[in-house]
Amino acid sequence: MLLTIFASLLLIVLAGMVYGVVSVNVEAGREDKVVSVPTIEEDAGGFMRALAGATGRQVITGNAITLYQNGVEIFPALLEAIGAARESVHFSTFVYDSGQIPQAFADAFSAAARRGVSVRIVLDRRGSAGIPRELIAQMRSAGCDVRWFRALQWFSWANYNHRTHRKLLIVDGTVAFTGGVGIADEWDGTGDSPAHWRDTHLRILGPAVASVQAAFVDNWNEATGELPIGEKYFPILAPEGEIEVCAVQSNPAHATSDAQRSMAVLIAGASRRLWITNAYFVPTPPFVRALCAAKSRGVDVKILLPGPYHNQPAVRRASRHTWPALLEGNVELYEYQRTMIHCKVVIADSEVTSVGSINFDPRSFALNAEFGIVALDRHIADQTERAFRDDLTFSRRVGEEDLRLLSSWQRLLDVCCYWIRAQL
């Protein structure tokens, strides 16, 4: 009798998992067919307005952006900003682990709180499961308000798979950071060895800081029910530069998300060049077709992916399942050979750059809360293109021969991983 009950419960659980995978993939697989969009080359301003319309946001002018590559540049900039905070520090991340870098951030947050700064921290319950209890105790003892995003509870288990994947830091409501880096020792260094991951982050000054703050408030409200929205957190922001920005705050609920639509518009608007670096590149069939269509109309389409140093080998297999169609469409695929490349960067026509937490996969498109900055600025695009070219020198181009070498068993594993990709 007990065996029958156990088997029945197991079947129910498996059926629920299958339903979850299928439903997520159906949502993420909806085609975002861009009927019309101004091309970047002919009308970059019109393209940005179209992107804003697709994501329900606005084009924000008057911003300054600084790009940072790898932990050696990213972490000092973040820690310096926290150290200079006078009023508030708002921080949200997916990964917060143990180690020297996590300790350095805990010390910086604690020091800020002790000098009277309001410190709010949102940690994703799944991604930050490795944070030592001692660090949380240290920060809370110093006065930091540390909260979990969607802990697993019996009455809200259905929401547990919808994570916050955003990486946000806003200091005094006037300076903001976002990108792909998590708080773990893997991100430290120069991205030149398997122990030091490759990633990109950016700092924003100007009116667009309010959009990053709004994304944090969204996470904080979900975690606590509170809305910190006073002038202290949303001050009047004077122009700091000339960069036009569209902030992509994505909260998947039904059908397609802002993250997914932003990628669709970037692909559709490119007329000369589309260079993509993405850590978890698992495009659904509509996006495979869109990338191949861009190539067929003369766009230089290059995709840079993690290679042998991938922190989720199953995702690499899932990605590999999409390669035959992409290679048939003459899309260029490259695998980074030095370390895990964790960037989420898109460069279109040497003018528009997207940097943030958005992965090119169903999790980012249909499950996770994500955030990204799309900037119209040739100088920023030039910097990201130089970094992309440098990364290519440490990459290997994928060809048809790579697929021919795969055994039938490997191909079957790739199909299985692709099918369950939304849950990885």
Protein backbone atom coordinates (compact mmCIF):
# COMPACT_ATOMS: atom_id res chain seq x y z
CA MET A 1 0.00 0.00 0.00
CA LEU A 2 2.76 2.44 0.96
CA LEU A 3 4.64 1.61 -2.24
CA THR A 4 1.53 2.35 -4.30
CA ILE A 5 1.01 5.69 -2.55
CA PHE A 6 4.66 6.61 -3.07
CA ALA A 7 4.54 5.65 -6.74
CA SER A 8 1.36 7.68 -7.24
CA LEU A 9 2.88 10.74 -5.58
CA LEU A 10 6.01 10.36 -7.69
CA LEU A 11 3.92 10.22 -10.87
CA ILE A 12 2.03 13.34 -9.82
CA VAL A 13 5.30 15.18 -9.17
CA LEU A 14 6.75 14.07 -12.51
CA ALA A 15 3.57 15.08 -14.31
CA GLY A 16 3.77 18.50 -12.66
CA MET A 17 7.39 18.89 -13.76
CA VAL A 18 6.55 17.88 -17.32
CA TYR A 19 3.65 20.33 -17.38
CA GLY A 20 5.89 23.10 -16.04
CA VAL A 21 8.58 22.50 -18.66
CA VAL A 22 6.08 22.35 -21.52
CA SER A 23 4.15 25.44 -20.43
CA VAL A 24 7.30 27.53 -19.99
CA ASN A 25 8.70 26.47 -23.34
CA VAL A 26 5.41 27.24 -25.05
CA GLU A 27 5.43 30.74 -23.56
CA ALA A 28 9.09 31.36 -24.41
CA GLY A 29 8.60 29.87 -27.86
CA ARG A 30 5.96 32.36 -28.92
CA GLU A 31 7.18 34.23 -31.95
CA ASP A 32 7.88 37.93 -31.51
CA LYS A 33 7.44 38.78 -35.16
CA VAL A 34 8.54 42.37 -35.62
CA VAL A 35 6.27 43.73 -38.33
CA SER A 36 8.15 47.00 -38.78
CA VAL A 37 11.02 48.76 -37.06
CA PRO A 38 13.32 51.59 -38.18
CA THR A 39 16.77 50.16 -38.86
CA ILE A 40 19.56 51.42 -36.65
CA GLU A 41 21.73 52.46 -39.55
CA GLU A 42 19.07 54.66 -41.15
CA ASP A 43 17.30 56.02 -38.04
CA ALA A 44 18.94 55.12 -34.73
CA GLY A 45 16.70 57.49 -32.78
CA GLY A 46 13.60 55.99 -34.35
CA PHE A 47 14.90 52.52 -33.52
CA MET A 48 15.30 53.46 -29.86
CA ARG A 49 11.76 54.82 -29.74
CA ALA A 50 10.51 51.58 -31.32
CA LEU A 51 12.43 49.55 -28.74
CA ALA A 52 10.91 51.64 -25.96
CA GLY A 53 7.46 51.05 -27.41
CA ALA A 54 8.04 47.30 -27.57
CA THR A 55 9.11 47.14 -23.93
CA GLY A 56 6.66 49.68 -22.53
CA ARG A 57 9.46 52.04 -21.47
CA GLN A 58 10.80 55.43 -22.52
CA VAL A 59 13.96 56.66 -24.17
CA ILE A 60 15.83 58.59 -21.46
CA THR A 61 18.35 61.21 -22.52
CA GLY A 62 21.24 62.89 -20.71
CA ASN A 63 23.11 59.90 -19.30
CA ALA A 64 26.75 58.94 -18.83
CA ILE A 65 27.81 55.28 -18.90
CA THR A 66 31.08 53.66 -17.84
CA LEU A 67 31.84 50.09 -18.93
CA TYR A 68 33.75 47.68 -16.70
CA GLN A 69 35.28 44.40 -17.80
CA ASN A 70 35.81 41.55 -15.33
CA GLY A 71 36.03 41.57 -11.57
CA VAL A 72 39.32 43.44 -11.48
CA GLU A 73 37.44 46.53 -12.73
CA ILE A 74 33.89 45.76 -11.59
CA PHE A 75 34.30 44.97 -7.89
CA PRO A 76 36.46 48.00 -6.97
CA ALA A 77 33.93 50.32 -8.67
CA LEU A 78 31.01 48.75 -6.79
CA LEU A 79 32.81 48.77 -3.45
CA GLU A 80 33.93 52.37 -3.93
CA ALA A 81 30.35 53.46 -4.59
CA ILE A 82 29.09 51.66 -1.47
CA GLY A 83 31.89 53.25 0.55
CA ALA A 84 30.86 56.71 -0.64
CA ALA A 85 27.14 56.26 0.13
CA ARG A 86 25.54 58.93 2.33
CA GLU A 87 21.83 58.16 2.28
CA SER A 88 20.97 54.76 0.81
CA VAL A 89 22.39 51.60 -0.70
CA HIS A 90 20.00 49.35 -2.62
CA PHE A 91 21.38 46.02 -3.81
CA SER A 92 19.83 43.01 -5.51
CA THR A 93 21.60 39.96 -6.89
CA PHE A 94 21.02 36.41 -8.00
CA VAL A 95 24.32 34.91 -6.83
CA TYR A 96 25.87 35.71 -3.46
CA ASP A 97 28.30 32.99 -2.43
CA SER A 98 31.07 32.47 0.14
CA GLY A 99 34.64 33.66 -0.18
CA GLN A 100 36.81 36.77 -0.11
CA ILE A 101 34.68 38.87 -2.48
CA PRO A 102 31.41 38.08 -0.63
CA GLN A 103 33.15 38.96 2.64
CA ALA A 104 34.41 42.26 1.18
CA PHE A 105 30.88 43.21 0.14
CA ALA A 106 29.41 42.18 3.49
CA ASP A 107 32.01 44.38 5.19
CA ALA A 108 31.19 47.31 2.87
CA PHE A 109 27.45 46.97 3.42
CA SER A 110 27.96 46.66 7.18
CA ALA A 111 30.20 49.72 7.32
CA ALA A 112 27.66 51.76 5.38
CA ALA A 113 24.84 50.74 7.71
CA ARG A 114 26.90 51.55 10.80
CA ARG A 115 27.51 55.09 9.59
CA GLY A 116 23.76 55.63 9.21
CA VAL A 117 23.16 54.71 5.57
CA SER A 118 19.89 52.89 4.81
CA VAL A 119 21.04 49.56 3.35
CA ARG A 120 18.51 47.28 1.67
CA ILE A 121 19.62 43.96 0.18
CA VAL A 122 17.57 41.44 -1.82
CA LEU A 123 19.09 38.00 -2.36
CA ASP A 124 17.54 35.39 -4.60
CA ARG A 125 16.74 32.36 -2.47
CA ARG A 126 17.96 29.86 -5.05
CA GLY A 127 20.92 31.65 -6.56
CA SER A 128 22.26 32.85 -3.19
CA ALA A 129 21.76 29.58 -1.35
CA GLY A 130 25.54 29.37 -0.83
CA ILE A 131 25.88 32.53 1.24
CA PRO A 132 27.18 31.72 4.74
CA ARG A 133 24.76 32.39 7.56
CA GLU A 134 27.53 34.30 9.29
CA LEU A 135 27.59 36.92 6.54
CA ILE A 136 23.85 37.49 6.75
CA ALA A 137 24.10 37.71 10.53
CA GLN A 138 26.97 40.19 10.22
CA MET A 139 25.06 42.46 7.85
CA ARG A 140 21.84 42.34 9.84
CA SER A 141 23.69 42.97 13.09
CA ALA A 142 25.22 46.08 11.51
CA GLY A 143 21.77 47.36 10.53
CA CYS A 144 21.39 46.12 6.95
CA ASP A 145 17.91 44.99 5.97
CA VAL A 146 18.56 41.70 4.17
CA ARG A 147 15.63 39.92 2.55
CA TRP A 148 15.11 36.76 0.50
CA PHE A 149 13.39 36.81 -2.85
CA ARG A 150 10.77 34.05 -3.00
CA ALA A 151 11.84 31.45 -0.48
CA LEU A 152 10.27 28.06 -1.03
CA GLN A 153 7.02 27.87 0.95
CA TRP A 154 4.15 25.41 0.80
CA PHE A 155 1.59 28.06 -0.13
CA SER A 156 3.68 29.68 -2.89
CA TRP A 157 5.64 26.80 -4.39
CA ALA A 158 4.40 27.65 -7.90
CA ASN A 159 6.24 31.00 -7.75
CA TYR A 160 9.54 29.48 -6.65
CA ASN A 161 10.70 28.80 -10.21
CA HIS A 162 10.25 32.49 -11.08
CA ARG A 163 13.52 33.91 -9.80
CA THR A 164 15.03 37.38 -9.77
CA HIS A 165 18.11 37.26 -11.97
CA ARG A 166 18.74 41.03 -11.80
CA LYS A 167 22.07 42.45 -10.66
CA LEU A 168 21.43 45.95 -9.32
CA LEU A 169 23.25 48.46 -7.15
CA ILE A 170 21.88 51.97 -6.61
CA VAL A 171 23.63 54.39 -4.27
CA ASP A 172 21.88 57.53 -2.96
CA GLY A 173 19.48 57.33 -5.88
CA THR A 174 22.12 59.02 -8.07
CA VAL A 175 24.48 56.32 -9.31
CA ALA A 176 23.54 52.85 -10.50
CA PHE A 177 25.28 49.68 -11.66
CA THR A 178 23.97 46.68 -13.58
CA GLY A 179 25.31 43.85 -15.71
CA GLY A 180 26.11 40.18 -15.36
CA VAL A 181 28.42 39.85 -12.37
CA GLY A 182 27.47 38.00 -9.19
CA ILE A 183 29.03 38.21 -5.75
CA ALA A 184 31.42 35.28 -5.77
CA ASP A 185 35.15 34.72 -6.10
CA GLU A 186 34.70 33.20 -9.55
CA TRP A 187 34.11 36.70 -10.91
CA ASP A 188 37.29 38.15 -9.43
CA GLY A 189 40.39 38.73 -11.54
CA THR A 190 40.86 39.48 -15.22
CA GLY A 191 38.87 36.67 -16.82
CA ASP A 192 42.05 35.00 -18.03
CA SER A 193 41.86 31.57 -16.36
CA PRO A 194 39.24 28.95 -15.42
CA ALA A 195 39.21 30.30 -11.86
CA HIS A 196 38.32 33.85 -13.03
CA TRP A 197 35.17 34.29 -15.09
CA ARG A 198 34.76 36.78 -17.92
CA ASP A 199 31.94 39.34 -17.47
CA THR A 200 30.75 42.88 -18.21
CA HIS A 201 29.08 45.46 -15.98
CA LEU A 202 28.30 49.17 -16.32
CA ARG A 203 27.76 52.29 -14.24
CA ILE A 204 25.01 54.79 -15.04
CA LEU A 205 24.80 58.47 -14.10
CA GLY A 206 21.91 60.70 -15.06
CA PRO A 207 18.11 60.37 -15.33
CA ALA A 208 18.24 56.66 -16.23
CA VAL A 209 19.35 55.86 -12.68
CA ALA A 210 15.68 56.17 -11.69
CA SER A 211 14.85 53.19 -13.96
CA VAL A 212 17.42 51.01 -12.19
CA GLN A 213 16.03 52.14 -8.85
CA ALA A 214 12.52 51.24 -10.04
CA ALA A 215 13.70 47.71 -10.82
CA PHE A 216 15.11 47.41 -7.31
CA VAL A 217 11.88 48.72 -5.77
CA ASP A 218 10.03 46.06 -7.76
CA ASN A 219 12.23 43.35 -6.20
CA TRP A 220 11.99 44.88 -2.73
CA ASN A 221 8.21 45.10 -2.92
CA GLU A 222 8.00 41.44 -3.91
CA ALA A 223 10.29 40.44 -1.03
CA THR A 224 8.82 42.67 1.68
CA GLY A 225 5.57 44.31 0.60
CA GLU A 226 7.17 47.72 1.10
CA LEU A 227 7.58 50.53 -1.44
CA PRO A 228 10.58 52.80 -0.77
CA ILE A 229 9.64 55.50 -3.30
CA GLY A 230 10.23 58.84 -1.59
CA GLU A 231 12.36 61.69 -2.91
CA LYS A 232 15.26 60.30 -0.90
CA TYR A 233 15.38 57.36 -3.30
CA PHE A 234 14.10 59.10 -6.43
CA PRO A 235 15.77 62.52 -6.40
CA ILE A 236 15.69 64.94 -9.31
CA LEU A 237 18.48 63.78 -11.60
CA ALA A 238 20.29 66.32 -13.75
CA PRO A 239 21.81 65.32 -17.10
CA GLU A 240 25.29 63.83 -16.78
CA GLY A 241 26.04 63.13 -20.44
CA GLU A 242 24.50 62.73 -23.86
CA ILE A 243 23.75 59.01 -24.04
CA GLU A 244 20.20 57.89 -24.84
CA VAL A 245 19.08 54.89 -22.80
CA CYS A 246 16.15 52.50 -22.80
CA ALA A 247 15.92 50.44 -19.60
CA VAL A 248 14.43 46.96 -19.98
CA GLN A 249 12.69 45.85 -16.78
CA SER A 250 11.25 42.43 -17.45
CA ASN A 251 8.73 40.58 -15.28
CA PRO A 252 7.43 37.60 -17.26
CA ALA A 253 3.75 36.89 -16.61
CA HIS A 254 1.89 36.02 -19.79
CA ALA A 255 3.00 35.43 -23.36
CA THR A 256 6.23 37.23 -24.23
CA SER A 257 8.30 39.38 -21.88
CA ASP A 258 10.05 42.72 -22.26
CA ALA A 259 13.37 40.87 -22.22
CA GLN A 260 12.27 38.70 -25.12
CA ARG A 261 10.81 41.59 -27.08
CA SER A 262 13.95 43.68 -26.64
CA MET A 263 16.03 40.90 -28.20
CA ALA A 264 13.57 40.52 -31.06
CA VAL A 265 13.74 44.25 -31.83
CA LEU A 266 17.55 44.33 -31.65
CA ILE A 267 17.76 41.52 -34.18
CA ALA A 268 15.16 43.09 -36.45
CA GLY A 269 16.75 46.56 -36.33
CA ALA A 270 20.27 45.46 -37.20
CA SER A 271 21.24 46.08 -40.83
CA ARG A 272 25.05 45.69 -40.78
CA ARG A 273 26.31 43.97 -37.65
CA LEU A 274 24.88 41.91 -34.80
CA TRP A 275 27.40 40.61 -32.29
CA ILE A 276 26.04 38.70 -29.30
CA THR A 277 27.87 37.39 -26.25
CA ASN A 278 25.67 35.28 -24.00
CA ALA A 279 26.43 32.81 -21.24
CA TYR A 280 23.27 30.72 -21.64
CA PHE A 281 22.38 30.85 -25.32
CA VAL A 282 19.41 28.54 -25.96
CA PRO A 283 17.33 30.27 -28.64
CA THR A 284 13.85 28.98 -29.39
CA PRO A 285 12.99 28.17 -33.05
CA PRO A 286 11.55 31.67 -33.75
CA PHE A 287 14.79 33.27 -32.62
CA VAL A 288 16.88 30.81 -34.61
CA ARG A 289 14.89 31.83 -37.67
CA ALA A 290 15.25 35.53 -36.82
CA LEU A 291 19.03 35.24 -36.50
CA CYS A 292 19.28 33.33 -39.78
CA ALA A 293 17.02 35.90 -41.46
CA ALA A 294 19.32 38.69 -40.27
CA LYS A 295 22.28 36.88 -41.79
CA SER A 296 20.42 36.36 -45.06
CA ARG A 297 19.78 40.10 -45.40
CA GLY A 298 23.48 40.84 -45.11
CA VAL A 299 23.97 41.34 -41.36
CA ASP A 300 27.26 40.12 -39.88
CA VAL A 301 25.89 37.81 -37.18
CA LYS A 302 28.39 36.45 -34.66
CA ILE A 303 27.47 34.59 -31.46
CA LEU A 304 30.08 34.14 -28.71
CA LEU A 305 29.33 31.36 -26.21
CA PRO A 306 31.02 29.61 -23.29
CA GLY A 307 33.23 26.73 -24.37
CA PRO A 308 34.81 23.95 -22.31
CA TYR A 309 34.57 25.96 -19.08
CA HIS A 310 30.81 26.08 -18.66
CA ASN A 311 29.30 26.12 -15.18
CA GLN A 312 26.18 24.34 -16.50
CA PRO A 313 27.19 21.62 -18.99
CA ALA A 314 23.54 20.71 -19.58
CA VAL A 315 22.89 24.23 -20.88
CA ARG A 316 25.84 23.88 -23.24
CA ARG A 317 24.26 20.69 -24.57
CA ALA A 318 20.90 22.41 -24.94
CA SER A 319 22.58 25.23 -26.85
CA ARG A 320 24.34 22.74 -29.12
CA HIS A 321 20.98 21.37 -30.24
CA THR A 322 20.32 24.74 -31.95
CA TRP A 323 23.64 24.82 -33.80
CA PRO A 324 22.72 22.83 -36.94
CA ALA A 325 20.02 25.30 -37.99
CA LEU A 326 22.19 28.30 -37.13
CA LEU A 327 25.19 26.96 -39.04
CA GLU A 328 22.96 26.12 -41.99
CA GLY A 329 21.90 29.77 -41.94
CA ASN A 330 25.60 30.81 -41.96
CA VAL A 331 25.43 32.34 -38.48
CA GLU A 332 28.95 32.38 -37.01
CA LEU A 333 29.30 30.59 -33.67
CA TYR A 334 32.34 30.82 -31.39
CA GLU A 335 33.21 29.15 -28.09
CA TYR A 336 35.36 30.99 -25.55
CA GLN A 337 38.34 28.88 -24.49
CA ARG A 338 39.95 30.67 -21.52
CA THR A 339 37.27 30.46 -18.84
CA MET A 340 33.51 30.68 -18.30
CA ILE A 341 32.25 33.70 -20.22
CA HIS A 342 29.24 35.06 -18.37
CA CYS A 343 28.54 38.29 -20.32
CA LYS A 344 25.09 39.23 -21.63
CA VAL A 345 25.96 41.76 -24.32
CA VAL A 346 24.45 42.62 -27.71
CA ILE A 347 26.05 45.12 -30.12
CA ALA A 348 24.02 46.21 -33.13
CA ASP A 349 25.36 48.24 -36.09
CA SER A 350 28.20 49.72 -34.00
CA GLU A 351 25.73 52.14 -32.40
CA VAL A 352 23.40 50.31 -30.00
CA THR A 353 24.62 48.23 -27.05
CA SER A 354 22.63 46.08 -24.64
CA VAL A 355 24.19 45.09 -21.30
CA GLY A 356 22.43 43.47 -18.36
CA SER A 357 21.34 40.19 -16.84
CA ILE A 358 19.23 38.95 -19.77
CA ASN A 359 20.20 35.51 -21.01
CA PHE A 360 19.15 34.31 -24.45
CA ASP A 361 17.08 31.44 -23.11
CA PRO A 362 13.56 30.58 -21.90
CA ARG A 363 14.40 31.25 -18.26
CA SER A 364 15.15 34.89 -18.97
CA PHE A 365 12.35 35.22 -21.50
CA ALA A 366 9.53 33.46 -19.64
CA LEU A 367 10.44 32.98 -15.98
CA ASN A 368 13.00 35.31 -14.42
CA ALA A 369 12.82 38.95 -13.44
CA GLU A 370 15.55 40.57 -15.54
CA PHE A 371 17.04 43.97 -16.19
CA GLY A 372 19.11 45.46 -18.98
CA ILE A 373 20.28 48.77 -20.36
CA VAL A 374 20.14 49.48 -24.10
CA ALA A 375 22.32 52.48 -24.94
CA LEU A 376 22.55 54.48 -28.15
CA ASP A 377 26.14 55.68 -28.23
CA ARG A 378 28.94 54.98 -30.71
CA HIS A 379 31.67 55.31 -28.07
CA ILE A 380 30.08 52.65 -25.84
CA ALA A 381 29.48 50.44 -28.88
CA ASP A 382 33.10 50.87 -29.90
CA GLN A 383 34.29 49.79 -26.46
CA THR A 384 32.11 46.70 -26.45
CA GLU A 385 33.16 45.82 -30.01
CA ARG A 386 36.82 46.04 -29.04
CA ALA A 387 36.15 43.72 -26.09
CA PHE A 388 34.25 41.34 -28.40
CA ARG A 389 37.13 41.23 -30.89
CA ASP A 390 39.56 40.58 -28.06
CA ASP A 391 37.36 37.74 -26.80
CA LEU A 392 37.30 36.22 -30.29
CA THR A 393 41.09 35.88 -30.20
CA PHE A 394 40.61 33.44 -27.32
CA SER A 395 37.73 31.59 -28.98
CA ARG A 396 37.29 28.70 -31.37
CA ARG A 397 34.86 28.88 -34.27
CA VAL A 398 32.25 26.13 -34.33
CA GLY A 399 31.81 24.31 -37.65
CA GLU A 400 29.91 21.49 -39.25
CA GLU A 401 32.72 19.13 -38.32
CA ASP A 402 31.91 19.62 -34.64
CA LEU A 403 28.41 18.30 -35.25
CA ARG A 404 29.56 15.35 -37.35
CA LEU A 405 31.79 14.20 -34.50
CA LEU A 406 28.84 13.91 -32.12
CA SER A 407 27.63 10.39 -31.38
CA SER A 408 23.98 9.43 -31.47
CA TRP A 409 24.00 9.27 -27.67
CA GLN A 410 25.38 12.82 -27.43
CA ARG A 411 22.74 14.08 -29.85
CA LEU A 412 20.02 12.43 -27.78
CA LEU A 413 21.38 14.07 -24.62
CA ASP A 414 21.40 17.42 -26.43
CA VAL A 415 17.73 17.00 -27.37
CA CYS A 416 16.77 16.07 -23.81
CA CYS A 417 18.68 19.01 -22.35
CA TYR A 418 17.09 21.35 -24.87
CA TRP A 419 13.63 20.11 -23.95
CA ILE A 420 14.11 20.71 -20.22
CA ARG A 421 16.17 23.89 -20.71
CA ALA A 422 13.63 26.16 -18.99
CA GLN A 423 14.18 24.46 -15.65
CA LEU A 424 17.98 24.51 -15.60
